[in-house]
């Protein structure tokens, strides 16, 4: 069994790789697609001069470029949610909860945590999303508590919690994870 520090380093390396891949996709392929969409829009403005078959092909190309752009955006977000870096854990979780229709009790006041801790907490919760309908997040005096209606604990969650020296309490219908985490900023800030 790997030591928790080895597991933490391995998970951090994977998170760093995912963040870099998301940045590369966004800075490369997504930007090329944006330029392609712009050029297709320019062509579409003069589509009246094209034969009908060519006009249809142009419209199809524009649609495919838009679909590709959306897919790259989704992949980038799954690799590393930009809202996590920009706004912090709670706003990123609100976005995730809204998109998955999960009942989330998230505090209005929540401190920014060190980035490796925020991504680890986000990944723990993200792993549970397909199987939960309720989430509660609390922060008290250097600890974060997550409560979810989750019947079993996936190995990925156990590994993350173990790597962060956290505790898991589970029963037949719910899961409670407690992690000791120091905030990156000394006082809680209101998050939207």
N, C-alpha and C. Protein backbone atom coordinates (compact mmCIF):
# COMPACT_ATOMS: atom_id res chain seq x y z
N UNK A 1 0.85 -1.20 0.00
CA UNK A 1 0.00 0.00 0.00
C UNK A 1 0.88 1.24 0.00
N UNK A 2 0.63 2.20 -0.89
CA UNK A 2 1.46 3.40 -0.95
C UNK A 2 1.25 4.27 0.28
N UNK A 3 2.31 4.95 0.70
CA UNK A 3 2.18 5.89 1.81
C UNK A 3 1.32 7.06 1.36
N UNK A 4 0.65 7.70 2.34
CA UNK A 4 -0.25 8.79 1.98
C UNK A 4 0.48 9.96 1.32
N UNK A 5 1.74 10.21 1.70
CA UNK A 5 2.47 11.29 1.05
C UNK A 5 2.77 10.95 -0.40
N UNK A 6 3.06 9.67 -0.69
CA UNK A 6 3.26 9.23 -2.07
C UNK A 6 1.97 9.40 -2.86
N UNK A 7 0.86 9.01 -2.27
CA UNK A 7 -0.44 9.14 -2.94
C UNK A 7 -0.76 10.61 -3.17
N UNK A 8 -0.49 11.45 -2.19
CA UNK A 8 -0.75 12.89 -2.33
C UNK A 8 0.09 13.47 -3.46
N UNK A 9 1.36 13.08 -3.53
CA UNK A 9 2.22 13.58 -4.60
C UNK A 9 1.75 13.10 -5.96
N UNK A 10 1.33 11.85 -6.04
CA UNK A 10 0.84 11.29 -7.30
C UNK A 10 -0.45 12.01 -7.74
N UNK A 11 -1.36 12.23 -6.81
CA UNK A 11 -2.61 12.93 -7.12
C UNK A 11 -2.34 14.38 -7.53
N UNK A 12 -1.41 15.04 -6.82
CA UNK A 12 -1.06 16.42 -7.16
C UNK A 12 -0.44 16.48 -8.55
N UNK A 13 0.41 15.52 -8.88
CA UNK A 13 1.03 15.49 -10.22
C UNK A 13 -0.03 15.31 -11.30
N UNK A 14 -1.00 14.43 -11.04
CA UNK A 14 -2.08 14.23 -12.01
C UNK A 14 -2.92 15.50 -12.16
N UNK A 15 -3.23 16.16 -11.05
CA UNK A 15 -3.99 17.41 -11.12
C UNK A 15 -3.23 18.48 -11.89
N UNK A 16 -1.91 18.56 -11.66
CA UNK A 16 -1.09 19.53 -12.39
C UNK A 16 -1.08 19.22 -13.88
N UNK A 17 -0.99 17.95 -14.24
CA UNK A 17 -1.01 17.56 -15.65
C UNK A 17 -2.35 17.91 -16.29
N UNK A 18 -3.43 17.66 -15.57
CA UNK A 18 -4.75 17.98 -16.10
C UNK A 18 -4.92 19.49 -16.29
N UNK A 19 -4.42 20.28 -15.35
CA UNK A 19 -4.50 21.75 -15.47
C UNK A 19 -3.71 22.20 -16.70
N UNK A 20 -2.51 21.66 -16.89
CA UNK A 20 -1.68 22.05 -18.03
C UNK A 20 -2.32 21.62 -19.35
N UNK A 21 -2.90 20.44 -19.39
CA UNK A 21 -3.58 19.99 -20.60
C UNK A 21 -4.77 20.88 -20.93
N UNK A 22 -5.53 21.27 -19.91
CA UNK A 22 -6.67 22.16 -20.13
C UNK A 22 -6.19 23.51 -20.68
N UNK A 23 -5.10 24.03 -20.11
CA UNK A 23 -4.56 25.31 -20.61
C UNK A 23 -4.08 25.17 -22.05
N UNK A 24 -3.43 24.05 -22.37
CA UNK A 24 -2.94 23.83 -23.73
C UNK A 24 -4.09 23.73 -24.72
N UNK A 25 -5.13 22.98 -24.35
CA UNK A 25 -6.29 22.87 -25.23
C UNK A 25 -6.96 24.23 -25.43
N UNK A 26 -7.11 24.95 -24.34
CA UNK A 26 -7.77 26.25 -24.44
C UNK A 26 -6.93 27.24 -25.25
N UNK A 27 -5.62 27.23 -25.01
CA UNK A 27 -4.75 28.17 -25.70
C UNK A 27 -4.44 27.78 -27.13
N UNK A 28 -4.63 26.52 -27.49
CA UNK A 28 -4.32 26.05 -28.84
C UNK A 28 -5.57 25.76 -29.64
N UNK A 29 -6.09 24.55 -29.47
CA UNK A 29 -7.22 24.10 -30.29
C UNK A 29 -8.43 25.01 -30.17
N UNK A 30 -8.74 25.46 -28.97
CA UNK A 30 -9.92 26.32 -28.80
C UNK A 30 -9.74 27.66 -29.54
N UNK A 31 -8.52 28.19 -29.51
CA UNK A 31 -8.27 29.45 -30.21
C UNK A 31 -8.32 29.27 -31.72
N UNK A 32 -7.81 28.14 -32.20
CA UNK A 32 -7.89 27.85 -33.64
C UNK A 32 -9.34 27.70 -34.08
N UNK A 33 -10.14 27.04 -33.26
CA UNK A 33 -11.56 26.90 -33.59
C UNK A 33 -12.28 28.25 -33.60
N UNK A 34 -11.90 29.12 -32.68
CA UNK A 34 -12.51 30.46 -32.66
C UNK A 34 -12.19 31.20 -33.97
N UNK A 35 -10.95 31.08 -34.42
CA UNK A 35 -10.57 31.72 -35.69
C UNK A 35 -11.32 31.08 -36.86
N UNK A 36 -11.46 29.77 -36.83
CA UNK A 36 -12.21 29.07 -37.87
C UNK A 36 -13.67 29.53 -37.89
N UNK A 37 -14.28 29.65 -36.71
CA UNK A 37 -15.67 30.12 -36.63
C UNK A 37 -15.79 31.53 -37.19
N UNK A 38 -14.84 32.39 -36.87
CA UNK A 38 -14.87 33.76 -37.38
C UNK A 38 -14.80 33.74 -38.91
N UNK A 39 -13.87 32.96 -39.47
CA UNK A 39 -13.74 32.89 -40.93
C UNK A 39 -14.99 32.31 -41.58
N UNK A 40 -15.60 31.33 -40.94
CA UNK A 40 -16.82 30.75 -41.49
C UNK A 40 -17.97 31.77 -41.47
N UNK A 41 -18.01 32.60 -40.43
CA UNK A 41 -19.03 33.65 -40.38
C UNK A 41 -18.84 34.65 -41.52
N UNK A 42 -17.58 34.99 -41.80
CA UNK A 42 -17.29 35.90 -42.91
C UNK A 42 -17.77 35.28 -44.22
N UNK A 43 -17.47 34.00 -44.42
CA UNK A 43 -17.91 33.30 -45.63
C UNK A 43 -19.44 33.22 -45.69
N UNK A 44 -20.07 32.99 -44.56
CA UNK A 44 -21.53 32.84 -44.53
C UNK A 44 -22.23 34.14 -44.96
N UNK A 45 -21.61 35.28 -44.71
CA UNK A 45 -22.20 36.56 -45.10
C UNK A 45 -22.30 36.69 -46.62
N UNK A 46 -21.42 35.99 -47.32
CA UNK A 46 -21.49 36.03 -48.78
C UNK A 46 -22.01 34.71 -49.35
N UNK A 47 -22.70 33.94 -48.52
CA UNK A 47 -23.22 32.63 -48.94
C UNK A 47 -24.29 32.74 -50.01
N UNK A 48 -24.90 33.90 -50.15
CA UNK A 48 -25.91 34.08 -51.19
C UNK A 48 -25.35 33.89 -52.59
N UNK A 49 -24.05 34.12 -52.74
CA UNK A 49 -23.39 33.95 -54.04
C UNK A 49 -22.98 32.51 -54.30
N UNK A 50 -23.12 31.65 -53.31
CA UNK A 50 -22.70 30.25 -53.44
C UNK A 50 -23.83 29.39 -53.99
N UNK A 51 -23.48 28.32 -54.69
CA UNK A 51 -24.51 27.35 -55.09
C UNK A 51 -25.13 26.75 -53.82
N UNK A 52 -26.37 26.28 -53.89
CA UNK A 52 -27.05 25.76 -52.70
C UNK A 52 -26.26 24.65 -51.98
N UNK A 53 -25.66 23.75 -52.72
CA UNK A 53 -24.90 22.65 -52.10
C UNK A 53 -23.71 23.21 -51.31
N UNK A 54 -23.01 24.19 -51.85
CA UNK A 54 -21.88 24.80 -51.17
C UNK A 54 -22.35 25.58 -49.94
N UNK A 55 -23.48 26.26 -50.03
CA UNK A 55 -24.04 27.00 -48.90
C UNK A 55 -24.39 26.05 -47.76
N UNK A 56 -24.97 24.88 -48.11
CA UNK A 56 -25.29 23.88 -47.08
C UNK A 56 -24.01 23.34 -46.42
N UNK A 57 -23.00 23.08 -47.25
CA UNK A 57 -21.73 22.59 -46.71
C UNK A 57 -21.10 23.63 -45.77
N UNK A 58 -21.18 24.88 -46.14
CA UNK A 58 -20.66 25.96 -45.31
C UNK A 58 -21.41 26.02 -43.97
N UNK A 59 -22.73 25.92 -44.02
CA UNK A 59 -23.54 25.95 -42.79
C UNK A 59 -23.20 24.74 -41.92
N UNK A 60 -22.99 23.60 -42.55
CA UNK A 60 -22.63 22.40 -41.79
C UNK A 60 -21.26 22.56 -41.15
N UNK A 61 -20.31 23.14 -41.87
CA UNK A 61 -18.98 23.40 -41.31
C UNK A 61 -19.07 24.33 -40.10
N UNK A 62 -19.87 25.37 -40.21
CA UNK A 62 -20.05 26.31 -39.10
C UNK A 62 -20.64 25.59 -37.89
N UNK A 63 -21.62 24.73 -38.12
CA UNK A 63 -22.24 23.97 -37.03
C UNK A 63 -21.23 23.01 -36.38
N UNK A 64 -20.46 22.33 -37.20
CA UNK A 64 -19.45 21.40 -36.67
C UNK A 64 -18.38 22.14 -35.87
N UNK A 65 -17.97 23.29 -36.34
CA UNK A 65 -16.97 24.09 -35.61
C UNK A 65 -17.53 24.51 -34.25
N UNK A 66 -18.80 24.92 -34.21
CA UNK A 66 -19.43 25.29 -32.94
C UNK A 66 -19.51 24.11 -31.99
N UNK A 67 -19.88 22.95 -32.51
CA UNK A 67 -19.95 21.74 -31.69
C UNK A 67 -18.58 21.36 -31.14
N UNK A 68 -17.55 21.47 -31.98
CA UNK A 68 -16.18 21.18 -31.53
C UNK A 68 -15.74 22.14 -30.44
N UNK A 69 -16.05 23.41 -30.62
CA UNK A 69 -15.69 24.42 -29.62
C UNK A 69 -16.35 24.12 -28.27
N UNK A 70 -17.63 23.75 -28.31
CA UNK A 70 -18.34 23.40 -27.07
C UNK A 70 -17.73 22.17 -26.42
N UNK A 71 -17.39 21.19 -27.22
CA UNK A 71 -16.80 19.95 -26.68
C UNK A 71 -15.43 20.23 -26.06
N UNK A 72 -14.63 21.04 -26.70
CA UNK A 72 -13.32 21.39 -26.12
C UNK A 72 -13.51 22.14 -24.81
N UNK A 73 -14.48 23.04 -24.78
CA UNK A 73 -14.77 23.76 -23.53
C UNK A 73 -15.16 22.79 -22.42
N UNK A 74 -16.03 21.81 -22.76
CA UNK A 74 -16.44 20.81 -21.76
C UNK A 74 -15.24 19.98 -21.28
N UNK A 75 -14.40 19.57 -22.22
CA UNK A 75 -13.22 18.77 -21.85
C UNK A 75 -12.28 19.59 -20.97
N UNK A 76 -12.04 20.82 -21.34
CA UNK A 76 -11.17 21.69 -20.53
C UNK A 76 -11.72 21.86 -19.12
N UNK A 77 -13.03 22.04 -19.02
CA UNK A 77 -13.64 22.21 -17.71
C UNK A 77 -13.52 20.94 -16.88
N UNK A 78 -13.70 19.78 -17.52
CA UNK A 78 -13.57 18.51 -16.79
C UNK A 78 -12.13 18.28 -16.35
N UNK A 79 -11.18 18.67 -17.18
CA UNK A 79 -9.78 18.51 -16.81
C UNK A 79 -9.41 19.39 -15.63
N UNK A 80 -9.83 20.64 -15.71
CA UNK A 80 -9.55 21.57 -14.61
C UNK A 80 -10.52 22.75 -14.71
N UNK A 81 -11.49 22.83 -13.81
CA UNK A 81 -12.50 23.89 -13.88
C UNK A 81 -11.87 25.27 -13.64
N UNK A 82 -11.99 26.17 -14.60
CA UNK A 82 -11.38 27.49 -14.45
C UNK A 82 -11.97 28.28 -13.28
N UNK A 83 -13.23 28.06 -12.97
CA UNK A 83 -13.87 28.77 -11.87
C UNK A 83 -13.19 28.46 -10.54
N UNK A 84 -12.63 27.28 -10.42
CA UNK A 84 -11.92 26.89 -9.19
C UNK A 84 -10.73 27.82 -8.96
N UNK A 85 -9.95 28.08 -9.99
CA UNK A 85 -8.80 28.98 -9.86
C UNK A 85 -9.24 30.43 -9.69
N UNK A 86 -10.26 30.82 -10.45
CA UNK A 86 -10.68 32.22 -10.46
C UNK A 86 -11.45 32.64 -9.21
N UNK A 87 -12.39 31.79 -8.76
CA UNK A 87 -13.29 32.19 -7.68
C UNK A 87 -13.19 31.33 -6.42
N UNK A 88 -12.70 30.12 -6.53
CA UNK A 88 -12.58 29.27 -5.37
C UNK A 88 -13.52 28.08 -5.39
N UNK A 89 -13.46 27.30 -4.33
CA UNK A 89 -14.17 26.03 -4.24
C UNK A 89 -15.68 26.18 -4.29
N UNK A 90 -16.25 27.06 -3.49
CA UNK A 90 -17.71 27.14 -3.39
C UNK A 90 -18.36 27.57 -4.71
N UNK A 91 -17.87 28.61 -5.40
CA UNK A 91 -18.49 28.94 -6.69
C UNK A 91 -18.35 27.80 -7.72
N UNK A 92 -17.21 27.10 -7.71
CA UNK A 92 -17.04 25.97 -8.63
C UNK A 92 -18.04 24.86 -8.30
N UNK A 93 -18.26 24.63 -7.02
CA UNK A 93 -19.25 23.60 -6.62
C UNK A 93 -20.66 24.03 -6.94
N UNK A 94 -20.96 25.32 -6.82
CA UNK A 94 -22.30 25.79 -7.19
C UNK A 94 -22.57 25.52 -8.67
N UNK A 95 -21.58 25.80 -9.50
CA UNK A 95 -21.74 25.53 -10.93
C UNK A 95 -21.93 24.05 -11.20
N UNK A 96 -21.17 23.21 -10.52
CA UNK A 96 -21.29 21.77 -10.68
C UNK A 96 -22.65 21.28 -10.19
N UNK A 97 -23.09 21.78 -9.05
CA UNK A 97 -24.38 21.38 -8.49
C UNK A 97 -25.53 21.78 -9.41
N UNK A 98 -25.45 22.99 -9.95
CA UNK A 98 -26.50 23.45 -10.85
C UNK A 98 -26.57 22.59 -12.10
N UNK A 99 -25.41 22.25 -12.67
CA UNK A 99 -25.42 21.46 -13.90
C UNK A 99 -25.85 20.02 -13.68
N UNK A 100 -25.68 19.51 -12.46
CA UNK A 100 -26.06 18.12 -12.17
C UNK A 100 -27.34 18.02 -11.34
N UNK A 101 -27.95 19.15 -11.05
CA UNK A 101 -29.19 19.19 -10.26
C UNK A 101 -29.03 18.47 -8.91
N UNK A 102 -27.97 18.83 -8.21
CA UNK A 102 -27.71 18.28 -6.88
C UNK A 102 -28.08 19.34 -5.86
N UNK A 103 -28.79 18.94 -4.80
CA UNK A 103 -29.13 19.83 -3.71
C UNK A 103 -27.86 20.10 -2.91
N UNK A 104 -27.34 21.31 -2.99
CA UNK A 104 -26.08 21.63 -2.34
C UNK A 104 -26.27 22.74 -1.32
N UNK A 105 -25.93 22.44 -0.08
CA UNK A 105 -25.92 23.44 0.98
C UNK A 105 -24.49 23.93 1.10
N UNK A 106 -24.23 25.08 0.49
CA UNK A 106 -22.87 25.64 0.47
C UNK A 106 -22.87 26.95 1.22
N UNK A 107 -21.86 27.18 2.05
CA UNK A 107 -21.83 28.39 2.87
C UNK A 107 -21.62 29.65 2.03
N UNK A 108 -22.19 30.73 2.51
CA UNK A 108 -21.97 32.04 1.86
C UNK A 108 -20.56 32.53 2.14
N UNK A 109 -20.09 32.30 3.36
CA UNK A 109 -18.74 32.70 3.74
C UNK A 109 -17.86 31.45 3.74
N UNK A 110 -16.82 31.50 2.93
CA UNK A 110 -15.92 30.36 2.84
C UNK A 110 -14.55 30.87 2.44
N UNK A 111 -13.49 30.45 3.16
CA UNK A 111 -12.16 30.98 2.85
C UNK A 111 -11.60 30.35 1.58
N UNK A 112 -10.71 31.07 0.95
CA UNK A 112 -9.91 30.46 -0.12
C UNK A 112 -8.93 29.53 0.57
N UNK A 113 -8.84 28.34 0.05
CA UNK A 113 -7.92 27.35 0.59
C UNK A 113 -6.72 27.26 -0.35
N UNK A 114 -5.61 26.69 0.12
CA UNK A 114 -4.48 26.51 -0.79
C UNK A 114 -4.93 25.73 -2.03
N UNK A 115 -4.45 26.11 -3.23
CA UNK A 115 -4.91 25.47 -4.47
C UNK A 115 -4.88 23.94 -4.47
N UNK A 116 -3.83 23.30 -3.96
CA UNK A 116 -3.86 21.82 -3.98
C UNK A 116 -5.01 21.24 -3.14
N UNK A 117 -5.37 21.94 -2.08
CA UNK A 117 -6.47 21.47 -1.23
C UNK A 117 -7.80 21.71 -1.93
N UNK A 118 -7.95 22.89 -2.56
CA UNK A 118 -9.20 23.16 -3.28
C UNK A 118 -9.44 22.14 -4.39
N UNK A 119 -8.41 21.82 -5.16
CA UNK A 119 -8.62 20.87 -6.25
C UNK A 119 -8.88 19.48 -5.69
N UNK A 120 -8.22 19.11 -4.61
CA UNK A 120 -8.47 17.79 -4.00
C UNK A 120 -9.91 17.69 -3.50
N UNK A 121 -10.40 18.72 -2.82
CA UNK A 121 -11.79 18.72 -2.35
C UNK A 121 -12.76 18.68 -3.53
N UNK A 122 -12.46 19.47 -4.56
CA UNK A 122 -13.31 19.47 -5.75
C UNK A 122 -13.35 18.08 -6.37
N UNK A 123 -12.21 17.41 -6.49
CA UNK A 123 -12.16 16.08 -7.10
C UNK A 123 -12.89 15.04 -6.25
N UNK A 124 -12.80 15.16 -4.93
CA UNK A 124 -13.54 14.24 -4.05
C UNK A 124 -15.03 14.37 -4.33
N UNK A 125 -15.50 15.60 -4.37
CA UNK A 125 -16.93 15.85 -4.59
C UNK A 125 -17.33 15.47 -6.01
N UNK A 126 -16.49 15.81 -6.97
CA UNK A 126 -16.77 15.49 -8.37
C UNK A 126 -16.92 13.98 -8.57
N UNK A 127 -16.11 13.21 -7.89
CA UNK A 127 -16.18 11.74 -8.00
C UNK A 127 -17.53 11.22 -7.52
N UNK A 128 -18.13 11.91 -6.57
CA UNK A 128 -19.40 11.46 -6.00
C UNK A 128 -20.62 11.94 -6.79
N UNK A 129 -20.48 12.99 -7.61
CA UNK A 129 -21.64 13.60 -8.29
C UNK A 129 -22.57 12.61 -8.97
N UNK A 130 -22.07 11.64 -9.71
CA UNK A 130 -23.03 10.76 -10.40
C UNK A 130 -23.94 9.97 -9.46
N UNK A 131 -23.55 9.86 -8.19
CA UNK A 131 -24.29 9.00 -7.27
C UNK A 131 -24.96 9.73 -6.12
N UNK A 132 -24.90 11.05 -6.10
CA UNK A 132 -25.49 11.76 -4.97
C UNK A 132 -26.60 12.70 -5.42
N UNK A 133 -27.47 13.05 -4.48
CA UNK A 133 -28.49 14.05 -4.75
C UNK A 133 -28.41 15.19 -3.72
N UNK A 134 -27.52 15.05 -2.72
CA UNK A 134 -27.40 16.08 -1.69
C UNK A 134 -25.95 16.21 -1.26
N UNK A 135 -25.53 17.45 -1.05
CA UNK A 135 -24.18 17.75 -0.58
C UNK A 135 -24.25 18.89 0.42
N UNK A 136 -23.48 18.78 1.47
CA UNK A 136 -23.36 19.87 2.44
C UNK A 136 -21.87 20.09 2.69
N UNK A 137 -21.46 21.35 2.70
CA UNK A 137 -20.06 21.71 2.92
C UNK A 137 -20.00 22.70 4.06
N UNK A 138 -19.16 22.43 5.05
CA UNK A 138 -18.99 23.33 6.20
C UNK A 138 -17.51 23.58 6.44
N UNK A 139 -17.20 24.76 6.90
CA UNK A 139 -15.83 25.10 7.28
C UNK A 139 -15.87 25.64 8.70
N UNK A 140 -15.04 25.05 9.55
CA UNK A 140 -14.96 25.50 10.94
C UNK A 140 -13.52 25.37 11.42
N UNK A 141 -12.99 26.42 11.94
CA UNK A 141 -11.68 26.42 12.60
C UNK A 141 -10.70 25.41 12.00
N UNK A 142 -10.31 25.66 10.78
CA UNK A 142 -9.28 24.88 10.10
C UNK A 142 -9.70 23.47 9.71
N UNK A 143 -10.99 23.21 9.59
CA UNK A 143 -11.41 21.92 9.08
C UNK A 143 -12.58 22.11 8.14
N UNK A 144 -12.66 21.23 7.17
CA UNK A 144 -13.76 21.22 6.21
C UNK A 144 -14.47 19.90 6.38
N UNK A 145 -15.80 19.96 6.42
CA UNK A 145 -16.60 18.75 6.51
C UNK A 145 -17.51 18.69 5.29
N UNK A 146 -17.48 17.55 4.61
CA UNK A 146 -18.36 17.28 3.49
C UNK A 146 -19.34 16.21 3.93
N UNK A 147 -20.60 16.42 3.65
CA UNK A 147 -21.61 15.40 3.91
C UNK A 147 -22.36 15.16 2.62
N UNK A 148 -22.48 13.88 2.24
CA UNK A 148 -23.16 13.51 0.99
C UNK A 148 -24.04 12.30 1.25
N UNK A 149 -25.13 12.21 0.50
CA UNK A 149 -25.96 11.01 0.58
C UNK A 149 -25.38 9.99 -0.40
N UNK A 150 -24.41 9.26 0.06
CA UNK A 150 -23.67 8.32 -0.77
C UNK A 150 -23.60 6.99 -0.03
N UNK A 151 -24.09 5.93 -0.65
CA UNK A 151 -24.19 4.63 0.01
C UNK A 151 -22.84 3.93 0.16
N UNK A 152 -21.94 4.08 -0.80
CA UNK A 152 -20.63 3.45 -0.68
C UNK A 152 -19.56 4.46 -1.06
N UNK A 153 -18.35 4.21 -0.59
CA UNK A 153 -17.26 5.15 -0.81
C UNK A 153 -16.36 4.63 -1.94
N UNK A 154 -16.35 5.32 -3.09
CA UNK A 154 -15.47 4.90 -4.18
C UNK A 154 -13.99 4.95 -3.78
N UNK A 155 -13.19 4.07 -4.37
CA UNK A 155 -11.77 4.02 -4.06
C UNK A 155 -11.07 5.35 -4.31
N UNK A 156 -11.48 6.07 -5.37
CA UNK A 156 -10.85 7.36 -5.70
C UNK A 156 -11.04 8.35 -4.55
N UNK A 157 -12.22 8.32 -3.92
CA UNK A 157 -12.47 9.23 -2.79
C UNK A 157 -11.63 8.79 -1.60
N UNK A 158 -11.61 7.49 -1.32
CA UNK A 158 -10.79 6.99 -0.20
C UNK A 158 -9.33 7.40 -0.37
N UNK A 159 -8.82 7.27 -1.60
CA UNK A 159 -7.42 7.60 -1.86
C UNK A 159 -7.16 9.08 -1.63
N UNK A 160 -8.04 9.95 -2.11
CA UNK A 160 -7.86 11.40 -1.91
C UNK A 160 -7.90 11.75 -0.42
N UNK A 161 -8.89 11.21 0.29
CA UNK A 161 -9.03 11.52 1.71
C UNK A 161 -7.82 11.02 2.48
N UNK A 162 -7.38 9.82 2.17
CA UNK A 162 -6.20 9.25 2.83
C UNK A 162 -4.97 10.12 2.54
N UNK A 163 -4.82 10.56 1.29
CA UNK A 163 -3.68 11.40 0.92
C UNK A 163 -3.68 12.73 1.66
N UNK A 164 -4.87 13.19 2.04
CA UNK A 164 -4.98 14.46 2.76
C UNK A 164 -5.08 14.27 4.28
N UNK A 165 -4.86 13.04 4.72
CA UNK A 165 -4.91 12.70 6.15
C UNK A 165 -6.26 13.04 6.76
N UNK A 166 -7.32 12.81 5.99
CA UNK A 166 -8.68 13.08 6.45
C UNK A 166 -9.33 11.86 7.06
N UNK A 167 -10.57 12.05 7.49
CA UNK A 167 -11.36 10.96 8.09
C UNK A 167 -12.64 10.77 7.29
N UNK A 168 -13.03 9.51 7.18
CA UNK A 168 -14.29 9.16 6.51
C UNK A 168 -15.17 8.45 7.52
N UNK A 169 -16.41 8.88 7.63
CA UNK A 169 -17.42 8.19 8.42
C UNK A 169 -18.58 7.89 7.47
N UNK A 170 -18.89 6.61 7.32
CA UNK A 170 -19.94 6.23 6.38
C UNK A 170 -20.94 5.31 7.07
N UNK A 171 -22.19 5.47 6.68
CA UNK A 171 -23.21 4.50 7.07
C UNK A 171 -23.91 4.06 5.80
N UNK A 172 -25.05 3.41 5.91
CA UNK A 172 -25.71 2.84 4.73
C UNK A 172 -26.16 3.89 3.72
N UNK A 173 -26.43 5.10 4.15
CA UNK A 173 -26.97 6.09 3.24
C UNK A 173 -26.18 7.38 3.11
N UNK A 174 -25.20 7.58 3.97
CA UNK A 174 -24.51 8.86 3.89
C UNK A 174 -23.02 8.71 4.18
N UNK A 175 -22.33 9.75 3.80
CA UNK A 175 -20.88 9.78 3.94
C UNK A 175 -20.49 11.13 4.52
N UNK A 176 -19.58 11.10 5.47
CA UNK A 176 -19.08 12.34 6.07
C UNK A 176 -17.56 12.28 6.00
N UNK A 177 -16.99 13.31 5.39
CA UNK A 177 -15.54 13.41 5.25
C UNK A 177 -15.10 14.66 6.00
N UNK A 178 -14.09 14.52 6.83
CA UNK A 178 -13.55 15.67 7.56
C UNK A 178 -12.08 15.78 7.24
N UNK A 179 -11.68 16.98 6.84
CA UNK A 179 -10.30 17.27 6.50
C UNK A 179 -9.83 18.47 7.28
N UNK A 180 -8.64 18.39 7.83
CA UNK A 180 -8.04 19.54 8.49
C UNK A 180 -7.30 20.32 7.42
N UNK A 181 -7.72 21.56 7.19
CA UNK A 181 -7.10 22.37 6.14
C UNK A 181 -6.94 23.81 6.61
N UNK A 182 -5.74 24.34 6.46
CA UNK A 182 -5.56 25.76 6.78
C UNK A 182 -6.01 26.61 5.59
N UNK A 183 -6.69 27.72 5.84
CA UNK A 183 -7.08 28.59 4.72
C UNK A 183 -5.87 29.30 4.14
N UNK A 184 -5.95 29.62 2.86
CA UNK A 184 -4.88 30.39 2.21
C UNK A 184 -4.96 31.84 2.63
N UNK A 185 -6.18 32.34 2.86
CA UNK A 185 -6.34 33.69 3.35
C UNK A 185 -6.88 33.60 4.78
N UNK A 186 -6.48 34.52 5.65
CA UNK A 186 -6.80 34.38 7.07
C UNK A 186 -8.28 34.52 7.43
N UNK A 187 -9.06 35.19 6.61
CA UNK A 187 -10.46 35.38 6.98
C UNK A 187 -11.37 34.88 5.86
N UNK A 188 -12.54 34.35 6.24
CA UNK A 188 -13.48 33.92 5.21
C UNK A 188 -13.94 35.12 4.38
N UNK A 189 -14.13 34.88 3.12
CA UNK A 189 -14.63 35.91 2.21
C UNK A 189 -15.95 35.44 1.62
N UNK A 190 -16.87 36.38 1.41
CA UNK A 190 -18.14 36.04 0.83
C UNK A 190 -17.94 35.60 -0.62
N UNK A 191 -18.52 34.46 -0.98
CA UNK A 191 -18.40 33.91 -2.32
C UNK A 191 -19.76 33.90 -2.97
N UNK A 192 -19.80 34.17 -4.25
CA UNK A 192 -21.09 34.14 -4.95
C UNK A 192 -21.23 32.90 -5.77
